[in-house]
Amino acid sequence: MESGPAIFAGVVFVLFGGGLLVWTAARLRHRESVAQGVSPIASAAVASAVGVVALALGAWCLTRL
């Protein structure tokens, strides 16, 4: 009964983290800024870190089934 919300949260975190990492990589590959008005290196680092944390959190949620 409690596994439904854990599965939903895990899938949401994994999709968000994966999407953010793919989007960040696509922006960097085209040599475009990740965030407007911010240092390109800092914005790419922060976006990548948030994506990895979201993937880790999603994996953690899915292992708690």
PDB file of N, CA and C in Angstrom:
ATOM      1  N   MET A   1       0.812  -1.186   0.000  1.00  0.00           N
ATOM      2  CA  MET A   1       0.000   0.000   0.000  1.00  0.00           C
ATOM      3  C   MET A   1       0.863   1.260   0.000  1.00  0.00           C
ATOM      4  N   GLU A   2       1.954   1.249   0.729  1.00  0.00           N
ATOM      5  CA  GLU A   2       2.819   2.420   0.785  1.00  0.00           C
ATOM      6  C   GLU A   2       3.817   2.452  -0.355  1.00  0.00           C
ATOM      7  N   SER A   3       3.883   1.414  -1.168  1.00  0.00           N
ATOM      8  CA  SER A   3       4.861   1.393  -2.251  1.00  0.00           C
ATOM      9  C   SER A   3       4.426   2.276  -3.427  1.00  0.00           C
ATOM     10  N   GLY A   4       3.149   2.549  -3.559  1.00  0.00           N
ATOM     11  CA  GLY A   4       2.664   3.394  -4.661  1.00  0.00           C
ATOM     12  C   GLY A   4       3.270   4.786  -4.647  1.00  0.00           C
ATOM     13  N   PRO A   5       3.208   5.510  -3.525  1.00  0.00           N
ATOM     14  CA  PRO A   5       3.827   6.838  -3.483  1.00  0.00           C
ATOM     15  C   PRO A   5       5.342   6.796  -3.654  1.00  0.00           C
ATOM     16  N   ALA A   6       5.993   5.761  -3.151  1.00  0.00           N
ATOM     17  CA  ALA A   6       7.450   5.654  -3.307  1.00  0.00           C
ATOM     18  C   ALA A   6       7.813   5.441  -4.773  1.00  0.00           C
ATOM     19  N   ILE A   7       7.039   4.627  -5.471  1.00  0.00           N
ATOM     20  CA  ILE A   7       7.293   4.409  -6.895  1.00  0.00           C
ATOM     21  C   ILE A   7       7.067   5.700  -7.669  1.00  0.00           C
ATOM     22  N   PHE A   8       5.980   6.391  -7.375  1.00  0.00           N
ATOM     23  CA  PHE A   8       5.678   7.644  -8.065  1.00  0.00           C
ATOM     24  C   PHE A   8       6.782   8.669  -7.826  1.00  0.00           C
ATOM     25  N   ALA A   9       7.182   8.867  -6.575  1.00  0.00           N
ATOM     26  CA  ALA A   9       8.223   9.844  -6.257  1.00  0.00           C
ATOM     27  C   ALA A   9       9.550   9.452  -6.907  1.00  0.00           C
ATOM     28  N   GLY A  10       9.891   8.169  -6.862  1.00  0.00           N
ATOM     29  CA  GLY A  10      11.132   7.719  -7.471  1.00  0.00           C
ATOM     30  C   GLY A  10      11.162   7.960  -8.961  1.00  0.00           C
ATOM     31  N   VAL A  11      10.067   7.656  -9.637  1.00  0.00           N
ATOM     32  CA  VAL A  11      10.001   7.859 -11.088  1.00  0.00           C
ATOM     33  C   VAL A  11      10.069   9.348 -11.423  1.00  0.00           C
ATOM     34  N   VAL A  12       9.397  10.175 -10.645  1.00  0.00           N
ATOM     35  CA  VAL A  12       9.437  11.621 -10.895  1.00  0.00           C
ATOM     36  C   VAL A  12      10.854  12.151 -10.730  1.00  0.00           C
ATOM     37  N   PHE A  13      11.535  11.761  -9.667  1.00  0.00           N
ATOM     38  CA  PHE A  13      12.907  12.220  -9.454  1.00  0.00           C
ATOM     39  C   PHE A  13      13.844  11.727 -10.550  1.00  0.00           C
ATOM     40  N   VAL A  14      13.701  10.472 -10.952  1.00  0.00           N
ATOM     41  CA  VAL A  14      14.575   9.924 -11.997  1.00  0.00           C
ATOM     42  C   VAL A  14      14.316  10.636 -13.325  1.00  0.00           C
ATOM     43  N   LEU A  15      13.067  10.869 -13.678  1.00  0.00           N
ATOM     44  CA  LEU A  15      12.762  11.572 -14.924  1.00  0.00           C
ATOM     45  C   LEU A  15      13.272  13.009 -14.901  1.00  0.00           C
ATOM     46  N   PHE A  16      13.098  13.684 -13.773  1.00  0.00           N
ATOM     47  CA  PHE A  16      13.573  15.064 -13.663  1.00  0.00           C
ATOM     48  C   PHE A  16      15.093  15.125 -13.748  1.00  0.00           C
ATOM     49  N   GLY A  17      15.770  14.279 -12.993  1.00  0.00           N
ATOM     50  CA  GLY A  17      17.228  14.279 -12.992  1.00  0.00           C
ATOM     51  C   GLY A  17      17.799  13.919 -14.346  1.00  0.00           C
ATOM     52  N   GLY A  18      17.242  12.888 -14.965  1.00  0.00           N
ATOM     53  CA  GLY A  18      17.706  12.494 -16.288  1.00  0.00           C
ATOM     54  C   GLY A  18      17.448  13.570 -17.328  1.00  0.00           C
ATOM     55  N   GLY A  19      16.274  14.157 -17.284  1.00  0.00           N
ATOM     56  CA  GLY A  19      15.946  15.231 -18.217  1.00  0.00           C
ATOM     57  C   GLY A  19      16.839  16.447 -18.043  1.00  0.00           C
ATOM     58  N   LEU A  20      17.119  16.789 -16.804  1.00  0.00           N
ATOM     59  CA  LEU A  20      17.991  17.932 -16.530  1.00  0.00           C
ATOM     60  C   LEU A  20      19.409  17.672 -17.026  1.00  0.00           C
ATOM     61  N   LEU A  21      19.906  16.460 -16.825  1.00  0.00           N
ATOM     62  CA  LEU A  21      21.256  16.140 -17.304  1.00  0.00           C
ATOM     63  C   LEU A  21      21.316  16.126 -18.829  1.00  0.00           C
ATOM     64  N   VAL A  22      20.305  15.593 -19.481  1.00  0.00           N
ATOM     65  CA  VAL A  22      20.280  15.576 -20.948  1.00  0.00           C
ATOM     66  C   VAL A  22      20.189  17.001 -21.490  1.00  0.00           C
ATOM     67  N   TRP A  23      19.344  17.823 -20.884  1.00  0.00           N
ATOM     68  CA  TRP A  23      19.187  19.207 -21.321  1.00  0.00           C
ATOM     69  C   TRP A  23      20.478  19.992 -21.125  1.00  0.00           C
ATOM     70  N   THR A  24      21.129  19.802 -19.985  1.00  0.00           N
ATOM     71  CA  THR A  24      22.390  20.488 -19.707  1.00  0.00           C
ATOM     72  C   THR A  24      23.455  20.060 -20.715  1.00  0.00           C
ATOM     73  N   ALA A  25      23.540  18.771 -20.996  1.00  0.00           N
ATOM     74  CA  ALA A  25      24.521  18.280 -21.969  1.00  0.00           C
ATOM     75  C   ALA A  25      24.242  18.841 -23.368  1.00  0.00           C
ATOM     76  N   ALA A  26      22.980  18.930 -23.744  1.00  0.00           N
ATOM     77  CA  ALA A  26      22.628  19.473 -25.062  1.00  0.00           C
ATOM     78  C   ALA A  26      23.003  20.949 -25.158  1.00  0.00           C
ATOM     79  N   ARG A  27      22.755  21.694 -24.101  1.00  0.00           N
ATOM     80  CA  ARG A  27      23.117  23.117 -24.105  1.00  0.00           C
ATOM     81  C   ARG A  27      24.624  23.302 -24.179  1.00  0.00           C
ATOM     82  N   LEU A  28      25.357  22.476 -23.444  1.00  0.00           N
ATOM     83  CA  LEU A  28      26.814  22.580 -23.463  1.00  0.00           C
ATOM     84  C   LEU A  28      27.384  22.153 -24.812  1.00  0.00           C
ATOM     85  N   ARG A  29      26.795  21.146 -25.420  1.00  0.00           N
ATOM     86  CA  ARG A  29      27.273  20.669 -26.723  1.00  0.00           C
ATOM     87  C   ARG A  29      27.113  21.745 -27.796  1.00  0.00           C
ATOM     88  N   HIS A  30      26.056  22.539 -27.696  1.00  0.00           N
ATOM     89  CA  HIS A  30      25.835  23.622 -28.659  1.00  0.00           C
ATOM     90  C   HIS A  30      26.510  24.921 -28.237  1.00  0.00           C
ATOM     91  N   ARG A  31      27.287  24.866 -27.184  1.00  0.00           N
ATOM     92  CA  ARG A  31      28.006  26.019 -26.637  1.00  0.00           C
ATOM     93  C   ARG A  31      27.075  27.177 -26.299  1.00  0.00           C
ATOM     94  N   GLU A  32      25.911  26.842 -25.745  1.00  0.00           N
ATOM     95  CA  GLU A  32      24.955  27.841 -25.294  1.00  0.00           C
ATOM     96  C   GLU A  32      24.943  27.853 -23.770  1.00  0.00           C
ATOM     97  N   SER A  33      24.514  28.969 -23.205  1.00  0.00           N
ATOM     98  CA  SER A  33      24.512  29.072 -21.745  1.00  0.00           C
ATOM     99  C   SER A  33      23.389  28.221 -21.153  1.00  0.00           C
ATOM    100  N   VAL A  34      23.638  27.708 -19.968  1.00  0.00           N
ATOM    101  CA  VAL A  34      22.640  26.885 -19.278  1.00  0.00           C
ATOM    102  C   VAL A  34      21.642  27.785 -18.556  1.00  0.00           C
ATOM    103  N   ALA A  35      22.139  28.881 -17.976  1.00  0.00           N
ATOM    104  CA  ALA A  35      21.276  29.848 -17.295  1.00  0.00           C
ATOM    105  C   ALA A  35      21.687  31.248 -17.735  1.00  0.00           C
ATOM    106  N   GLN A  36      20.724  32.079 -18.017  1.00  0.00           N
ATOM    107  CA  GLN A  36      21.006  33.410 -18.516  1.00  0.00           C
ATOM    108  C   GLN A  36      21.518  34.305 -17.395  1.00  0.00           C
ATOM    109  N   GLY A  37      22.593  35.015 -17.662  1.00  0.00           N
ATOM    110  CA  GLY A  37      23.130  35.972 -16.710  1.00  0.00           C
ATOM    111  C   GLY A  37      24.023  35.366 -15.641  1.00  0.00           C
ATOM    112  N   VAL A  38      24.384  34.106 -15.797  1.00  0.00           N
ATOM    113  CA  VAL A  38      25.219  33.419 -14.819  1.00  0.00           C
ATOM    114  C   VAL A  38      26.442  32.882 -15.550  1.00  0.00           C
ATOM    115  N   SER A  39      27.532  32.709 -14.829  1.00  0.00           N
ATOM    116  CA  SER A  39      28.737  32.138 -15.420  1.00  0.00           C
ATOM    117  C   SER A  39      28.410  30.778 -16.037  1.00  0.00           C
ATOM    118  N   PRO A  40      28.840  30.533 -17.273  1.00  0.00           N
ATOM    119  CA  PRO A  40      28.527  29.249 -17.924  1.00  0.00           C
ATOM    120  C   PRO A  40      29.062  28.045 -17.151  1.00  0.00           C
ATOM    121  N   ILE A  41      30.232  28.161 -16.579  1.00  0.00           N
ATOM    122  CA  ILE A  41      30.809  27.042 -15.831  1.00  0.00           C
ATOM    123  C   ILE A  41      30.022  26.790 -14.550  1.00  0.00           C
ATOM    124  N   ALA A  42      29.690  27.858 -13.842  1.00  0.00           N
ATOM    125  CA  ALA A  42      28.945  27.694 -12.588  1.00  0.00           C
ATOM    126  C   ALA A  42      27.549  27.144 -12.832  1.00  0.00           C
ATOM    127  N   SER A  43      26.871  27.650 -13.853  1.00  0.00           N
ATOM    128  CA  SER A  43      25.505  27.181 -14.111  1.00  0.00           C
ATOM    129  C   SER A  43      25.497  25.728 -14.566  1.00  0.00           C
ATOM    130  N   ALA A  44      26.490  25.333 -15.366  1.00  0.00           N
ATOM    131  CA  ALA A  44      26.565  23.937 -15.796  1.00  0.00           C
ATOM    132  C   ALA A  44      26.878  23.026 -14.616  1.00  0.00           C
ATOM    133  N   ALA A  45      27.747  23.482 -13.724  1.00  0.00           N
ATOM    134  CA  ALA A  45      28.102  22.673 -12.553  1.00  0.00           C
ATOM    135  C   ALA A  45      26.910  22.504 -11.618  1.00  0.00           C
ATOM    136  N   VAL A  46      26.190  23.579 -11.379  1.00  0.00           N
ATOM    137  CA  VAL A  46      25.033  23.500 -10.480  1.00  0.00           C
ATOM    138  C   VAL A  46      23.932  22.648 -11.090  1.00  0.00           C
ATOM    139  N   ALA A  47      23.652  22.829 -12.379  1.00  0.00           N
ATOM    140  CA  ALA A  47      22.609  22.033 -13.031  1.00  0.00           C
ATOM    141  C   ALA A  47      22.982  20.556 -13.041  1.00  0.00           C
ATOM    142  N   SER A  48      24.244  20.251 -13.288  1.00  0.00           N
ATOM    143  CA  SER A  48      24.683  18.857 -13.274  1.00  0.00           C
ATOM    144  C   SER A  48      24.583  18.257 -11.879  1.00  0.00           C
ATOM    145  N   ALA A  49      24.975  19.023 -10.874  1.00  0.00           N
ATOM    146  CA  ALA A  49      24.896  18.534  -9.490  1.00  0.00           C
ATOM    147  C   ALA A  49      23.451  18.273  -9.086  1.00  0.00           C
ATOM    148  N   VAL A  50      22.549  19.165  -9.447  1.00  0.00           N
ATOM    149  CA  VAL A  50      21.139  18.977  -9.111  1.00  0.00           C
ATOM    150  C   VAL A  50      20.579  17.756  -9.834  1.00  0.00           C
ATOM    151  N   GLY A  51      20.983  17.550 -11.075  1.00  0.00           N
ATOM    152  CA  GLY A  51      20.534  16.374 -11.820  1.00  0.00           C
ATOM    153  C   GLY A  51      21.006  15.075 -11.191  1.00  0.00           C
ATOM    154  N   VAL A  52      22.262  15.044 -10.770  1.00  0.00           N
ATOM    155  CA  VAL A  52      22.798  13.839 -10.137  1.00  0.00           C
ATOM    156  C   VAL A  52      22.126  13.580  -8.796  1.00  0.00           C
ATOM    157  N   VAL A  53      21.877  14.646  -8.028  1.00  0.00           N
ATOM    158  CA  VAL A  53      21.196  14.485  -6.731  1.00  0.00           C
ATOM    159  C   VAL A  53      19.775  13.971  -6.946  1.00  0.00           C
ATOM    160  N   ALA A  54      19.091  14.481  -7.960  1.00  0.00           N
ATOM    161  CA  ALA A  54      17.732  14.009  -8.243  1.00  0.00           C
ATOM    162  C   ALA A  54      17.735  12.538  -8.649  1.00  0.00           C
ATOM    163  N   LEU A  55      18.710  12.135  -9.463  1.00  0.00           N
ATOM    164  CA  LEU A  55      18.809  10.721  -9.835  1.00  0.00           C
ATOM    165  C   LEU A  55      19.082   9.844  -8.616  1.00  0.00           C
ATOM    166  N   ALA A  56      19.965  10.302  -7.747  1.00  0.00           N
ATOM    167  CA  ALA A  56      20.282   9.539  -6.535  1.00  0.00           C
ATOM    168  C   ALA A  56      19.062   9.444  -5.616  1.00  0.00           C
ATOM    169  N   LEU A  57      18.336  10.534  -5.484  1.00  0.00           N
ATOM    170  CA  LEU A  57      17.136  10.525  -4.648  1.00  0.00           C
ATOM    171  C   LEU A  57      16.071   9.612  -5.232  1.00  0.00           C
ATOM    172  N   GLY A  58      15.931   9.612  -6.546  1.00  0.00           N
ATOM    173  CA  GLY A  58      14.985   8.714  -7.198  1.00  0.00           C
ATOM    174  C   GLY A  58      15.374   7.267  -7.005  1.00  0.00           C
ATOM    175  N   ALA A  59      16.661   6.967  -7.124  1.00  0.00           N
ATOM    176  CA  ALA A  59      17.123   5.599  -6.899  1.00  0.00           C
ATOM    177  C   ALA A  59      16.888   5.184  -5.451  1.00  0.00           C
ATOM    178  N   TRP A  60      17.111   6.093  -4.538  1.00  0.00           N
ATOM    179  CA  TRP A  60      16.880   5.795  -3.116  1.00  0.00           C
ATOM    180  C   TRP A  60      15.393   5.495  -2.859  1.00  0.00           C
ATOM    181  N   CYS A  61      14.519   6.315  -3.475  1.00  0.00           N
ATOM    182  CA  CYS A  61      13.083   6.073  -3.302  1.00  0.00           C
ATOM    183  C   CYS A  61      12.674   4.702  -3.872  1.00  0.00           C
ATOM    184  N   LEU A  62      13.250   4.359  -5.000  1.00  0.00           N
ATOM    185  CA  LEU A  62      12.872   3.087  -5.624  1.00  0.00           C
ATOM    186  C   LEU A  62      13.450   1.881  -4.884  1.00  0.00           C
ATOM    187  N   THR A  63      14.516   2.062  -4.129  1.00  0.00           N
ATOM    188  CA  THR A  63      15.058   0.941  -3.356  1.00  0.00           C
ATOM    189  C   THR A  63      14.309   0.744  -2.039  1.00  0.00           C
ATOM    190  N   ARG A  64      13.440   1.664  -1.666  1.00  0.00           N
ATOM    191  CA  ARG A  64      12.694   1.578  -0.410  1.00  0.00           C
ATOM    192  C   ARG A  64      11.362   0.855  -0.570  1.00  0.00           C
ATOM    193  N   LEU A  65      11.212   0.097  -1.629  1.00  0.00           N
ATOM    194  CA  LEU A  65       9.940  -0.599  -1.867  1.00  0.00           C
ATOM    195  C   LEU A  65       9.827  -1.762  -0.995  1.00  0.00           C
TER     196      LEU A  65
END
